[in-house]
Each structure stands twice: as structure tokens, then as C-alpha cells.
Amino acid sequence: MPLDIPAPIAAYFAADRADAGAVAACFTDDAIVKDEGRTHRGKEEIAAWKREIAAKISYTSTPIAIAEQDGKTVVTCHIVGNFAGGEVDLRHFFVTEGEKISSLEIIP
């Protein structure tokens, strides 16, 4: 059964297959992304974060579950790529404001 992913979050996953600029456009101007122990603030840093990841690894991300937790939308994705281990399930904790994402934290 397909997941019912809110539009701003679905746009993020679609943009993730495109480029860093498309990903950054999914966020509010003052958004925060936390990933791999680092915090990225604002669209410029978010775009740089995605460019850095794309330069290091190639991957596909498939959302496999969605839930609500403490006011956040949690999307679990199965990631397959050319990184150590080759695959992992990661939880993406999203907070949205209107049609944009204001906060994203990615953790195993």
C-alpha cells in the first residue's frame, strides 16, 4: 500500500533524486537539518550538505513507513548505495510550516 506522505515531505524525496538546489528549495529560509552529527542552517548550508553527500556516495532512498511522533512526521527510508554496509534504514524526523520543511533530523 502506498504511503500517505504530506506534500512538502514528498517534494523533498522527489528533489533528493534531482539536485542540491531542488532539495534546498523544499525548506524554509531558516530551516535546520541535522545529519551525521552536524547541523546545517538555512538553504545555503542545506544545499552544501546535499552536494557534499552527492560527492561522497550514490544512493537510492525508498520510504517504507510513516508515523507521527511528538509533533513530527517520521518517515523511515530504506537506503541502498555505495557506502559501508551498502544499505541501511534511516528515520527522517520532519517539521513542516505550510508547504515547506522547517526542520529535518536524520538518524538510524
C-alpha atoms as a PDB file:
ATOM      1  CA  MET A   1       0.000   0.000   0.000  1.00  0.00           C
ATOM      2  CA  PRO A   2       1.413   3.440  -0.894  1.00  0.00           C
ATOM      3  CA  LEU A   3       2.344   5.752   1.964  1.00  0.00           C
ATOM      4  CA  ASP A   4       0.324   8.938   2.529  1.00  0.00           C
ATOM      5  CA  ILE A   5       3.270  11.357   2.677  1.00  0.00           C
ATOM      6  CA  PRO A   6       2.441  15.075   3.184  1.00  0.00           C
ATOM      7  CA  ALA A   7       3.159  17.228   0.125  1.00  0.00           C
ATOM      8  CA  PRO A   8       6.199  19.151   1.476  1.00  0.00           C
ATOM      9  CA  ILE A   9       7.869  15.885   2.509  1.00  0.00           C
ATOM     10  CA  ALA A  10       7.001  14.139  -0.762  1.00  0.00           C
ATOM     11  CA  ALA A  11       8.558  17.123  -2.562  1.00  0.00           C
ATOM     12  CA  TYR A  12      11.758  16.632  -0.529  1.00  0.00           C
ATOM     13  CA  PHE A  13      12.054  12.973  -1.536  1.00  0.00           C
ATOM     14  CA  ALA A  14      11.393  13.851  -5.194  1.00  0.00           C
ATOM     15  CA  ALA A  15      14.009  16.636  -5.050  1.00  0.00           C
ATOM     16  CA  ASP A  16      16.511  14.271  -3.427  1.00  0.00           C
ATOM     17  CA  ARG A  17      16.635  12.437  -6.767  1.00  0.00           C
ATOM     18  CA  ALA A  18      17.367  15.736  -8.549  1.00  0.00           C
ATOM     19  CA  ASP A  19      19.989  18.089  -7.124  1.00  0.00           C
ATOM     20  CA  ALA A  20      21.050  20.098  -4.083  1.00  0.00           C
ATOM     21  CA  GLY A  21      19.275  23.256  -5.207  1.00  0.00           C
ATOM     22  CA  ALA A  22      15.990  21.392  -5.588  1.00  0.00           C
ATOM     23  CA  VAL A  23      16.404  19.930  -2.102  1.00  0.00           C
ATOM     24  CA  ALA A  24      17.176  23.321  -0.535  1.00  0.00           C
ATOM     25  CA  ALA A  25      14.069  24.795  -2.184  1.00  0.00           C
ATOM     26  CA  CYS A  26      11.918  22.419  -0.094  1.00  0.00           C
ATOM     27  CA  PHE A  27      12.977  24.187   3.132  1.00  0.00           C
ATOM     28  CA  THR A  28      12.083  27.447   4.842  1.00  0.00           C
ATOM     29  CA  ASP A  29      14.747  30.179   4.754  1.00  0.00           C
ATOM     30  CA  ASP A  30      15.779  29.487   8.366  1.00  0.00           C
ATOM     31  CA  ALA A  31      15.373  25.687   8.315  1.00  0.00           C
ATOM     32  CA  ILE A  32      17.668  23.346  10.231  1.00  0.00           C
ATOM     33  CA  VAL A  33      18.905  19.942   9.086  1.00  0.00           C
ATOM     34  CA  LYS A  34      20.706  17.584  11.484  1.00  0.00           C
ATOM     35  CA  ASP A  35      22.536  14.652   9.933  1.00  0.00           C
ATOM     36  CA  GLU A  36      25.611  12.611  10.862  1.00  0.00           C
ATOM     37  CA  GLY A  37      26.236  14.701  13.985  1.00  0.00           C
ATOM     38  CA  ARG A  38      26.267  18.027  12.112  1.00  0.00           C
ATOM     39  CA  THR A  39      23.741  20.864  11.957  1.00  0.00           C
ATOM     40  CA  HIS A  40      23.076  22.788   8.746  1.00  0.00           C
ATOM     41  CA  ARG A  41      21.152  26.085   8.966  1.00  0.00           C
ATOM     42  CA  GLY A  42      19.424  27.873   6.113  1.00  0.00           C
ATOM     43  CA  LYS A  43      19.036  26.990   2.446  1.00  0.00           C
ATOM     44  CA  GLU A  44      22.668  27.684   1.523  1.00  0.00           C
ATOM     45  CA  GLU A  45      24.065  25.280   4.126  1.00  0.00           C
ATOM     46  CA  ILE A  46      21.385  22.706   3.293  1.00  0.00           C
ATOM     47  CA  ALA A  47      22.340  22.822  -0.400  1.00  0.00           C
ATOM     48  CA  ALA A  48      26.021  22.451   0.554  1.00  0.00           C
ATOM     49  CA  TRP A  49      25.132  19.442   2.751  1.00  0.00           C
ATOM     50  CA  LYS A  50      23.372  17.710  -0.160  1.00  0.00           C
ATOM     51  CA  ARG A  51      26.231  18.496  -2.585  1.00  0.00           C
ATOM     52  CA  GLU A  52      28.716  17.023  -0.082  1.00  0.00           C
ATOM     53  CA  ILE A  53      26.685  13.821   0.241  1.00  0.00           C
ATOM     54  CA  ALA A  54      26.297  13.501  -3.550  1.00  0.00           C
ATOM     55  CA  ALA A  55      30.062  13.895  -3.980  1.00  0.00           C
ATOM     56  CA  LYS A  56      30.745  11.074  -1.484  1.00  0.00           C
ATOM     57  CA  ILE A  57      28.076   8.484  -2.258  1.00  0.00           C
ATOM     58  CA  SER A  58      25.462   7.390  -4.741  1.00  0.00           C
ATOM     59  CA  TYR A  59      22.238   6.037  -3.235  1.00  0.00           C
ATOM     60  CA  THR A  60      18.536   5.410  -3.618  1.00  0.00           C
ATOM     61  CA  SER A  61      16.060   6.180  -0.859  1.00  0.00           C
ATOM     62  CA  THR A  62      12.703   4.405  -0.598  1.00  0.00           C
ATOM     63  CA  PRO A  63      10.186   5.497   2.057  1.00  0.00           C
ATOM     64  CA  ILE A  64       8.862   2.355   3.766  1.00  0.00           C
ATOM     65  CA  ALA A  65       6.914   3.688   6.785  1.00  0.00           C
ATOM     66  CA  ILE A  66       5.387   6.895   8.119  1.00  0.00           C
ATOM     67  CA  ALA A  67       4.262   7.872  11.624  1.00  0.00           C
ATOM     68  CA  GLU A  68       3.614  10.911  13.806  1.00  0.00           C
ATOM     69  CA  GLN A  69       5.743  11.383  16.928  1.00  0.00           C
ATOM     70  CA  ASP A  70       5.906  14.407  19.234  1.00  0.00           C
ATOM     71  CA  GLY A  71       4.552  16.763  16.562  1.00  0.00           C
ATOM     72  CA  LYS A  72       6.938  15.467  13.902  1.00  0.00           C
ATOM     73  CA  THR A  73       6.301  13.372  10.836  1.00  0.00           C
ATOM     74  CA  VAL A  74       8.695  10.407  10.901  1.00  0.00           C
ATOM     75  CA  VAL A  75       9.441   8.749   7.581  1.00  0.00           C
ATOM     76  CA  THR A  76      11.568   5.613   7.655  1.00  0.00           C
ATOM     77  CA  CYS A  77      13.504   5.078   4.435  1.00  0.00           C
ATOM     78  CA  HIS A  78      15.446   2.114   3.129  1.00  0.00           C
ATOM     79  CA  ILE A  79      18.707   3.483   1.710  1.00  0.00           C
ATOM     80  CA  VAL A  80      20.833   1.454  -0.718  1.00  0.00           C
ATOM     81  CA  GLY A  81      24.134   2.783  -2.052  1.00  0.00           C
ATOM     82  CA  ASN A  82      27.890   2.651  -2.340  1.00  0.00           C
ATOM     83  CA  PHE A  83      28.670   3.267   1.332  1.00  0.00           C
ATOM     84  CA  ALA A  84      29.932   0.955   4.082  1.00  0.00           C
ATOM     85  CA  GLY A  85      27.380  -1.813   4.554  1.00  0.00           C
ATOM     86  CA  GLY A  86      25.563  -0.953   1.327  1.00  0.00           C
ATOM     87  CA  GLU A  87      22.129  -0.484   2.896  1.00  0.00           C
ATOM     88  CA  VAL A  88      20.500   0.984   5.981  1.00  0.00           C
ATOM     89  CA  ASP A  89      17.103   2.098   7.252  1.00  0.00           C
ATOM     90  CA  LEU A  90      17.106   5.734   8.385  1.00  0.00           C
ATOM     91  CA  ARG A  91      14.397   7.697  10.172  1.00  0.00           C
ATOM     92  CA  HIS A  92      13.708  11.216   8.904  1.00  0.00           C
ATOM     93  CA  PHE A  93      12.035  13.459  11.514  1.00  0.00           C
ATOM     94  CA  PHE A  94      10.292  16.332   9.696  1.00  0.00           C
ATOM     95  CA  VAL A  95       8.629  19.505  10.962  1.00  0.00           C
ATOM     96  CA  THR A  96       6.755  21.482   8.335  1.00  0.00           C
ATOM     97  CA  GLU A  97       5.496  25.064   8.108  1.00  0.00           C
ATOM     98  CA  GLY A  98       2.877  25.432   5.412  1.00  0.00           C
ATOM     99  CA  GLU A  99       4.319  23.947   2.222  1.00  0.00           C
ATOM    100  CA  LYS A 100       7.953  23.976   3.397  1.00  0.00           C
ATOM    101  CA  ILE A 101      10.103  21.962   5.791  1.00  0.00           C
ATOM    102  CA  SER A 102      11.420  23.881   8.798  1.00  0.00           C
ATOM    103  CA  SER A 103      13.340  21.055  10.442  1.00  0.00           C
ATOM    104  CA  LEU A 104      14.751  17.671   9.461  1.00  0.00           C
ATOM    105  CA  GLU A 105      16.757  15.275  11.587  1.00  0.00           C
ATOM    106  CA  ILE A 106      18.049  12.025  10.084  1.00  0.00           C
ATOM    107  CA  ILE A 107      19.010   9.172  12.425  1.00  0.00           C
ATOM    108  CA  PRO A 108      19.306   5.368  12.239  1.00  0.00           C
END
